[in-house]
PDB file of N, CA and C in Angstrom:
ATOM      1  N   UNK A   1      43.095  13.841  -1.373  1.00  0.00           N
ATOM      2  CA  UNK A   1      44.210  13.164  -2.001  1.00  0.00           C
ATOM      3  C   UNK A   1      43.962  11.654  -2.039  1.00  0.00           C
ATOM      4  N   UNK A   2      43.455  11.127  -0.927  1.00  0.00           N
ATOM      5  CA  UNK A   2      43.196   9.689  -0.848  1.00  0.00           C
ATOM      6  C   UNK A   2      42.136   9.262  -1.864  1.00  0.00           C
ATOM      7  N   UNK A   3      41.088  10.099  -2.014  1.00  0.00           N
ATOM      8  CA  UNK A   3      40.023   9.794  -2.977  1.00  0.00           C
ATOM      9  C   UNK A   3      40.573   9.809  -4.405  1.00  0.00           C
ATOM     10  N   UNK A   4      41.468  10.751  -4.689  1.00  0.00           N
ATOM     11  CA  UNK A   4      42.047  10.829  -6.031  1.00  0.00           C
ATOM     12  C   UNK A   4      42.891   9.594  -6.329  1.00  0.00           C
ATOM     13  N   UNK A   5      43.636   9.128  -5.351  1.00  0.00           N
ATOM     14  CA  UNK A   5      44.435   7.918  -5.547  1.00  0.00           C
ATOM     15  C   UNK A   5      43.545   6.699  -5.745  1.00  0.00           C
ATOM     16  N   UNK A   6      42.449   6.640  -5.001  1.00  0.00           N
ATOM     17  CA  UNK A   6      41.506   5.536  -5.167  1.00  0.00           C
ATOM     18  C   UNK A   6      40.884   5.549  -6.551  1.00  0.00           C
ATOM     19  N   UNK A   7      40.504   6.731  -7.030  1.00  0.00           N
ATOM     20  CA  UNK A   7      39.915   6.845  -8.368  1.00  0.00           C
ATOM     21  C   UNK A   7      40.934   6.467  -9.432  1.00  0.00           C
ATOM     22  N   UNK A   8      42.178   6.865  -9.254  1.00  0.00           N
ATOM     23  CA  UNK A   8      43.231   6.508 -10.210  1.00  0.00           C
ATOM     24  C   UNK A   8      43.429   4.997 -10.235  1.00  0.00           C
ATOM     25  N   UNK A   9      43.417   4.374  -9.073  1.00  0.00           N
ATOM     26  CA  UNK A   9      43.560   2.914  -9.015  1.00  0.00           C
ATOM     27  C   UNK A   9      42.422   2.228  -9.754  1.00  0.00           C
ATOM     28  N   UNK A  10      41.213   2.744  -9.591  1.00  0.00           N
ATOM     29  CA  UNK A  10      40.060   2.162 -10.295  1.00  0.00           C
ATOM     30  C   UNK A  10      40.227   2.323 -11.794  1.00  0.00           C
ATOM     31  N   UNK A  11      40.672   3.493 -12.236  1.00  0.00           N
ATOM     32  CA  UNK A  11      40.879   3.706 -13.672  1.00  0.00           C
ATOM     33  C   UNK A  11      41.914   2.744 -14.231  1.00  0.00           C
ATOM     34  N   UNK A  12      42.985   2.526 -13.497  1.00  0.00           N
ATOM     35  CA  UNK A  12      44.012   1.598 -13.964  1.00  0.00           C
ATOM     36  C   UNK A  12      43.473   0.174 -14.024  1.00  0.00           C
ATOM     37  N   UNK A  13      42.631  -0.188 -13.065  1.00  0.00           N
ATOM     38  CA  UNK A  13      42.032  -1.527 -13.069  1.00  0.00           C
ATOM     39  C   UNK A  13      41.031  -1.698 -14.211  1.00  0.00           C
ATOM     40  N   UNK A  14      40.373  -0.612 -14.608  1.00  0.00           N
ATOM     41  CA  UNK A  14      39.372  -0.685 -15.668  1.00  0.00           C
ATOM     42  C   UNK A  14      39.976  -0.663 -17.068  1.00  0.00           C
ATOM     43  N   UNK A  15      41.225  -0.260 -17.192  1.00  0.00           N
ATOM     44  CA  UNK A  15      41.841  -0.118 -18.514  1.00  0.00           C
ATOM     45  C   UNK A  15      41.783  -1.412 -19.310  1.00  0.00           C
ATOM     46  N   UNK A  16      42.197  -2.508 -18.726  1.00  0.00           N
ATOM     47  CA  UNK A  16      42.220  -3.782 -19.443  1.00  0.00           C
ATOM     48  C   UNK A  16      40.823  -4.281 -19.793  1.00  0.00           C
ATOM     49  N   UNK A  17      39.863  -4.296 -18.843  1.00  0.00           N
ATOM     50  CA  UNK A  17      38.510  -4.724 -19.220  1.00  0.00           C
ATOM     51  C   UNK A  17      37.888  -3.839 -20.296  1.00  0.00           C
ATOM     52  N   UNK A  18      38.162  -2.541 -20.266  1.00  0.00           N
ATOM     53  CA  UNK A  18      37.614  -1.645 -21.286  1.00  0.00           C
ATOM     54  C   UNK A  18      38.166  -1.987 -22.658  1.00  0.00           C
ATOM     55  N   UNK A  19      39.426  -2.297 -22.723  1.00  0.00           N
ATOM     56  CA  UNK A  19      40.010  -2.693 -24.008  1.00  0.00           C
ATOM     57  C   UNK A  19      39.396  -3.987 -24.508  1.00  0.00           C
ATOM     58  N   UNK A  20      39.169  -4.941 -23.600  1.00  0.00           N
ATOM     59  CA  UNK A  20      38.540  -6.201 -24.011  1.00  0.00           C
ATOM     60  C   UNK A  20      37.121  -5.963 -24.497  1.00  0.00           C
ATOM     61  N   UNK A  21      36.375  -5.090 -23.810  1.00  0.00           N
ATOM     62  CA  UNK A  21      35.004  -4.800 -24.227  1.00  0.00           C
ATOM     63  C   UNK A  21      34.960  -4.148 -25.597  1.00  0.00           C
ATOM     64  N   UNK A  22      35.861  -3.206 -25.852  1.00  0.00           N
ATOM     65  CA  UNK A  22      35.857  -2.555 -27.162  1.00  0.00           C
ATOM     66  C   UNK A  22      36.270  -3.535 -28.247  1.00  0.00           C
ATOM     67  N   UNK A  23      37.158  -4.455 -27.932  1.00  0.00           N
ATOM     68  CA  UNK A  23      37.556  -5.465 -28.911  1.00  0.00           C
ATOM     69  C   UNK A  23      36.380  -6.397 -29.209  1.00  0.00           C
ATOM     70  N   UNK A  24      35.580  -6.731 -28.203  1.00  0.00           N
ATOM     71  CA  UNK A  24      34.429  -7.606 -28.408  1.00  0.00           C
ATOM     72  C   UNK A  24      33.356  -6.901 -29.234  1.00  0.00           C
ATOM     73  N   UNK A  25      33.243  -5.583 -29.127  1.00  0.00           N
ATOM     74  CA  UNK A  25      32.209  -4.845 -29.834  1.00  0.00           C
ATOM     75  C   UNK A  25      32.565  -4.602 -31.296  1.00  0.00           C
ATOM     76  N   UNK A  26      33.847  -4.681 -31.634  1.00  0.00           N
ATOM     77  CA  UNK A  26      34.280  -4.428 -33.009  1.00  0.00           C
ATOM     78  C   UNK A  26      34.007  -5.651 -33.883  1.00  0.00           C
ATOM     79  N   UNK A  27      33.741  -5.439 -35.170  1.00  0.00           N
ATOM     80  CA  UNK A  27      33.557  -6.570 -36.075  1.00  0.00           C
ATOM     81  C   UNK A  27      34.804  -7.452 -36.097  1.00  0.00           C
ATOM     82  N   UNK A  28      34.625  -8.713 -36.428  1.00  0.00           N
ATOM     83  CA  UNK A  28      35.748  -9.655 -36.434  1.00  0.00           C
ATOM     84  C   UNK A  28      36.863  -9.149 -37.352  1.00  0.00           C
ATOM     85  N   UNK A  29      38.056  -9.189 -36.852  1.00  0.00           N
ATOM     86  CA  UNK A  29      39.223  -8.741 -37.613  1.00  0.00           C
ATOM     87  C   UNK A  29      39.480  -7.250 -37.530  1.00  0.00           C
ATOM     88  N   UNK A  30      38.542  -6.498 -36.983  1.00  0.00           N
ATOM     89  CA  UNK A  30      38.706  -5.048 -36.861  1.00  0.00           C
ATOM     90  C   UNK A  30      39.092  -4.710 -35.428  1.00  0.00           C
ATOM     91  N   UNK A  31      39.643  -3.553 -35.236  1.00  0.00           N
ATOM     92  CA  UNK A  31      39.970  -3.105 -33.885  1.00  0.00           C
ATOM     93  C   UNK A  31      39.210  -1.811 -33.602  1.00  0.00           C
ATOM     94  N   UNK A  32      39.162  -1.448 -32.364  1.00  0.00           N
ATOM     95  CA  UNK A  32      38.475  -0.220 -31.973  1.00  0.00           C
ATOM     96  C   UNK A  32      39.182   0.970 -32.590  1.00  0.00           C
ATOM     97  N   UNK A  33      38.412   1.899 -33.108  1.00  0.00           N
ATOM     98  CA  UNK A  33      38.970   3.117 -33.683  1.00  0.00           C
ATOM     99  C   UNK A  33      38.485   4.311 -32.877  1.00  0.00           C
ATOM    100  N   UNK A  34      39.405   5.186 -32.550  1.00  0.00           N
ATOM    101  CA  UNK A  34      39.078   6.383 -31.796  1.00  0.00           C
ATOM    102  C   UNK A  34      37.988   7.160 -32.529  1.00  0.00           C
ATOM    103  N   UNK A  35      37.017   7.621 -31.796  1.00  0.00           N
ATOM    104  CA  UNK A  35      35.945   8.386 -32.393  1.00  0.00           C
ATOM    105  C   UNK A  35      34.665   7.592 -32.530  1.00  0.00           C
ATOM    106  N   UNK A  36      34.749   6.281 -32.421  1.00  0.00           N
ATOM    107  CA  UNK A  36      33.542   5.460 -32.438  1.00  0.00           C
ATOM    108  C   UNK A  36      32.770   5.664 -31.143  1.00  0.00           C
ATOM    109  N   UNK A  37      31.497   5.387 -31.175  1.00  0.00           N
ATOM    110  CA  UNK A  37      30.660   5.509 -29.986  1.00  0.00           C
ATOM    111  C   UNK A  37      30.709   4.196 -29.214  1.00  0.00           C
ATOM    112  N   UNK A  38      30.917   4.272 -27.920  1.00  0.00           N
ATOM    113  CA  UNK A  38      30.969   3.095 -27.063  1.00  0.00           C
ATOM    114  C   UNK A  38      30.124   3.335 -25.818  1.00  0.00           C
ATOM    115  N   UNK A  39      29.671   2.247 -25.225  1.00  0.00           N
ATOM    116  CA  UNK A  39      28.935   2.325 -23.961  1.00  0.00           C
ATOM    117  C   UNK A  39      29.410   1.186 -23.074  1.00  0.00           C
ATOM    118  N   UNK A  40      29.501   1.460 -21.792  1.00  0.00           N
ATOM    119  CA  UNK A  40      29.894   0.432 -20.824  1.00  0.00           C
ATOM    120  C   UNK A  40      28.958   0.529 -19.629  1.00  0.00           C
ATOM    121  N   UNK A  41      28.554  -0.609 -19.134  1.00  0.00           N
ATOM    122  CA  UNK A  41      27.715  -0.665 -17.936  1.00  0.00           C
ATOM    123  C   UNK A  41      28.548  -1.309 -16.836  1.00  0.00           C
ATOM    124  N   UNK A  42      28.724  -0.597 -15.742  1.00  0.00           N
ATOM    125  CA  UNK A  42      29.588  -1.048 -14.655  1.00  0.00           C
ATOM    126  C   UNK A  42      28.805  -0.984 -13.355  1.00  0.00           C
ATOM    127  N   UNK A  43      28.845  -2.054 -12.572  1.00  0.00           N
ATOM    128  CA  UNK A  43      28.220  -2.003 -11.252  1.00  0.00           C
ATOM    129  C   UNK A  43      29.287  -1.663 -10.224  1.00  0.00           C
ATOM    130  N   UNK A  44      28.901  -0.933  -9.208  1.00  0.00           N
ATOM    131  CA  UNK A  44      29.807  -0.508  -8.146  1.00  0.00           C
ATOM    132  C   UNK A  44      29.228  -0.953  -6.808  1.00  0.00           C
ATOM    133  N   UNK A  45      30.093  -1.115  -5.806  1.00  0.00           N
ATOM    134  CA  UNK A  45      29.603  -1.582  -4.505  1.00  0.00           C
ATOM    135  C   UNK A  45      28.719  -0.575  -3.776  1.00  0.00           C
ATOM    136  N   UNK A  46      28.903   0.718  -4.075  1.00  0.00           N
ATOM    137  CA  UNK A  46      28.068   1.734  -3.431  1.00  0.00           C
ATOM    138  C   UNK A  46      28.120   3.022  -4.243  1.00  0.00           C
ATOM    139  N   UNK A  47      27.271   3.972  -3.883  1.00  0.00           N
ATOM    140  CA  UNK A  47      27.155   5.215  -4.644  1.00  0.00           C
ATOM    141  C   UNK A  47      28.417   6.068  -4.559  1.00  0.00           C
ATOM    142  N   UNK A  48      29.109   6.032  -3.434  1.00  0.00           N
ATOM    143  CA  UNK A  48      30.337   6.818  -3.287  1.00  0.00           C
ATOM    144  C   UNK A  48      31.386   6.374  -4.305  1.00  0.00           C
ATOM    145  N   UNK A  49      31.572   5.072  -4.448  1.00  0.00           N
ATOM    146  CA  UNK A  49      32.534   4.544  -5.420  1.00  0.00           C
ATOM    147  C   UNK A  49      32.094   4.925  -6.827  1.00  0.00           C
ATOM    148  N   UNK A  50      30.805   4.814  -7.117  1.00  0.00           N
ATOM    149  CA  UNK A  50      30.288   5.167  -8.443  1.00  0.00           C
ATOM    150  C   UNK A  50      30.580   6.635  -8.765  1.00  0.00           C
ATOM    151  N   UNK A  51      30.356   7.509  -7.810  1.00  0.00           N
ATOM    152  CA  UNK A  51      30.601   8.936  -8.038  1.00  0.00           C
ATOM    153  C   UNK A  51      32.084   9.235  -8.234  1.00  0.00           C
ATOM    154  N   UNK A  52      32.941   8.573  -7.455  1.00  0.00           N
ATOM    155  CA  UNK A  52      34.383   8.800  -7.617  1.00  0.00           C
ATOM    156  C   UNK A  52      34.857   8.322  -8.982  1.00  0.00           C
ATOM    157  N   UNK A  53      34.379   7.141  -9.392  1.00  0.00           N
ATOM    158  CA  UNK A  53      34.759   6.619 -10.710  1.00  0.00           C
ATOM    159  C   UNK A  53      34.248   7.531 -11.818  1.00  0.00           C
ATOM    160  N   UNK A  54      32.998   7.952 -11.714  1.00  0.00           N
ATOM    161  CA  UNK A  54      32.406   8.815 -12.735  1.00  0.00           C
ATOM    162  C   UNK A  54      33.178  10.127 -12.856  1.00  0.00           C
ATOM    163  N   UNK A  55      33.449  10.746 -11.731  1.00  0.00           N
ATOM    164  CA  UNK A  55      34.175  12.019 -11.734  1.00  0.00           C
ATOM    165  C   UNK A  55      35.554  11.851 -12.358  1.00  0.00           C
ATOM    166  N   UNK A  56      36.253  10.795 -11.977  1.00  0.00           N
ATOM    167  CA  UNK A  56      37.602  10.566 -12.500  1.00  0.00           C
ATOM    168  C   UNK A  56      37.577  10.303 -14.003  1.00  0.00           C
ATOM    169  N   UNK A  57      36.607   9.521 -14.474  1.00  0.00           N
ATOM    170  CA  UNK A  57      36.545   9.221 -15.907  1.00  0.00           C
ATOM    171  C   UNK A  57      36.248  10.474 -16.729  1.00  0.00           C
ATOM    172  N   UNK A  58      35.367  11.328 -16.245  1.00  0.00           N
ATOM    173  CA  UNK A  58      35.055  12.561 -16.973  1.00  0.00           C
ATOM    174  C   UNK A  58      36.239  13.522 -16.917  1.00  0.00           C
ATOM    175  N   UNK A  59      36.864  13.674 -15.750  1.00  0.00           N
ATOM    176  CA  UNK A  59      38.007  14.579 -15.616  1.00  0.00           C
ATOM    177  C   UNK A  59      39.182  14.137 -16.483  1.00  0.00           C
ATOM    178  N   UNK A  60      39.379  12.831 -16.621  1.00  0.00           N
ATOM    179  CA  UNK A  60      40.477  12.300 -17.448  1.00  0.00           C
ATOM    180  C   UNK A  60      40.086  12.197 -18.924  1.00  0.00           C
ATOM    181  N   UNK A  61      38.869  12.644 -19.245  1.00  0.00           N
ATOM    182  CA  UNK A  61      38.337  12.611 -20.606  1.00  0.00           C
ATOM    183  C   UNK A  61      38.263  11.193 -21.168  1.00  0.00           C
ATOM    184  N   UNK A  62      38.027  10.235 -20.267  1.00  0.00           N
ATOM    185  CA  UNK A  62      37.810   8.855 -20.684  1.00  0.00           C
ATOM    186  C   UNK A  62      36.335   8.622 -20.984  1.00  0.00           C
ATOM    187  N   UNK A  63      35.485   9.552 -20.554  1.00  0.00           N
ATOM    188  CA  UNK A  63      34.052   9.474 -20.812  1.00  0.00           C
ATOM    189  C   UNK A  63      33.531  10.890 -21.006  1.00  0.00           C
ATOM    190  N   UNK A  64      32.620  11.055 -21.957  1.00  0.00           N
ATOM    191  CA  UNK A  64      32.002  12.362 -22.163  1.00  0.00           C
ATOM    192  C   UNK A  64      30.996  12.647 -21.055  1.00  0.00           C
ATOM    193  N   UNK A  65      30.302  11.608 -20.623  1.00  0.00           N
ATOM    194  CA  UNK A  65      29.365  11.737 -19.513  1.00  0.00           C
ATOM    195  C   UNK A  65      29.193  10.365 -18.873  1.00  0.00           C
ATOM    196  N   UNK A  66      28.727  10.379 -17.654  1.00  0.00           N
ATOM    197  CA  UNK A  66      28.495   9.138 -16.912  1.00  0.00           C
ATOM    198  C   UNK A  66      27.140   9.254 -16.227  1.00  0.00           C
ATOM    199  N   UNK A  67      26.324   8.228 -16.374  1.00  0.00           N
ATOM    200  CA  UNK A  67      25.037   8.170 -15.689  1.00  0.00           C
ATOM    201  C   UNK A  67      25.153   7.202 -14.527  1.00  0.00           C
ATOM    202  N   UNK A  68      24.683   7.611 -13.367  1.00  0.00           N
ATOM    203  CA  UNK A  68      24.669   6.738 -12.204  1.00  0.00           C
ATOM    204  C   UNK A  68      23.213   6.339 -11.949  1.00  0.00           C
ATOM    205  N   UNK A  69      22.957   5.044 -12.026  1.00  0.00           N
ATOM    206  CA  UNK A  69      21.604   4.533 -11.839  1.00  0.00           C
ATOM    207  C   UNK A  69      21.607   3.734 -10.533  1.00  0.00           C
ATOM    208  N   UNK A  70      20.955   4.243  -9.489  1.00  0.00           N
ATOM    209  CA  UNK A  70      20.985   3.559  -8.195  1.00  0.00           C
ATOM    210  C   UNK A  70      20.182   2.262  -8.204  1.00  0.00           C
ATOM    211  N   UNK A  71      20.613   1.352  -7.348  1.00  0.00           N
ATOM    212  CA  UNK A  71      19.916   0.090  -7.082  1.00  0.00           C
ATOM    213  C   UNK A  71      19.730  -0.787  -8.316  1.00  0.00           C
ATOM    214  N   UNK A  72      20.773  -0.899  -9.139  1.00  0.00           N
ATOM    215  CA  UNK A  72      20.740  -1.812 -10.273  1.00  0.00           C
ATOM    216  C   UNK A  72      21.196  -3.168  -9.788  1.00  0.00           C
ATOM    217  N   UNK A  73      20.513  -4.208 -10.208  1.00  0.00           N
ATOM    218  CA  UNK A  73      20.892  -5.567  -9.854  1.00  0.00           C
ATOM    219  C   UNK A  73      21.466  -6.250 -11.084  1.00  0.00           C
ATOM    220  N   UNK A  74      22.660  -6.796 -10.958  1.00  0.00           N
ATOM    221  CA  UNK A  74      23.285  -7.533 -12.050  1.00  0.00           C
ATOM    222  C   UNK A  74      23.276  -9.011 -11.716  1.00  0.00           C
ATOM    223  N   UNK A  75      23.014  -9.813 -12.701  1.00  0.00           N
ATOM    224  CA  UNK A  75      22.963 -11.271 -12.500  1.00  0.00           C
ATOM    225  C   UNK A  75      23.856 -11.958 -13.509  1.00  0.00           C
TER     226      UNK A  75
END
């Protein structure tokens, strides 16, 4: 139950950044349209958090699939 609440909190926190990312990817003056292909790269503090987020996004149908790539460095 605790893990599910944590995953839900992460999804709620990601909602706004995801909308901003889709708006940035759309041509000027256009908005995101359902059915378009999108990709997001997200870093997580550890593999457990990554797996919880991935599972929650797929279960909520917010992502068709999620790839977890260990030891990625973002700068």
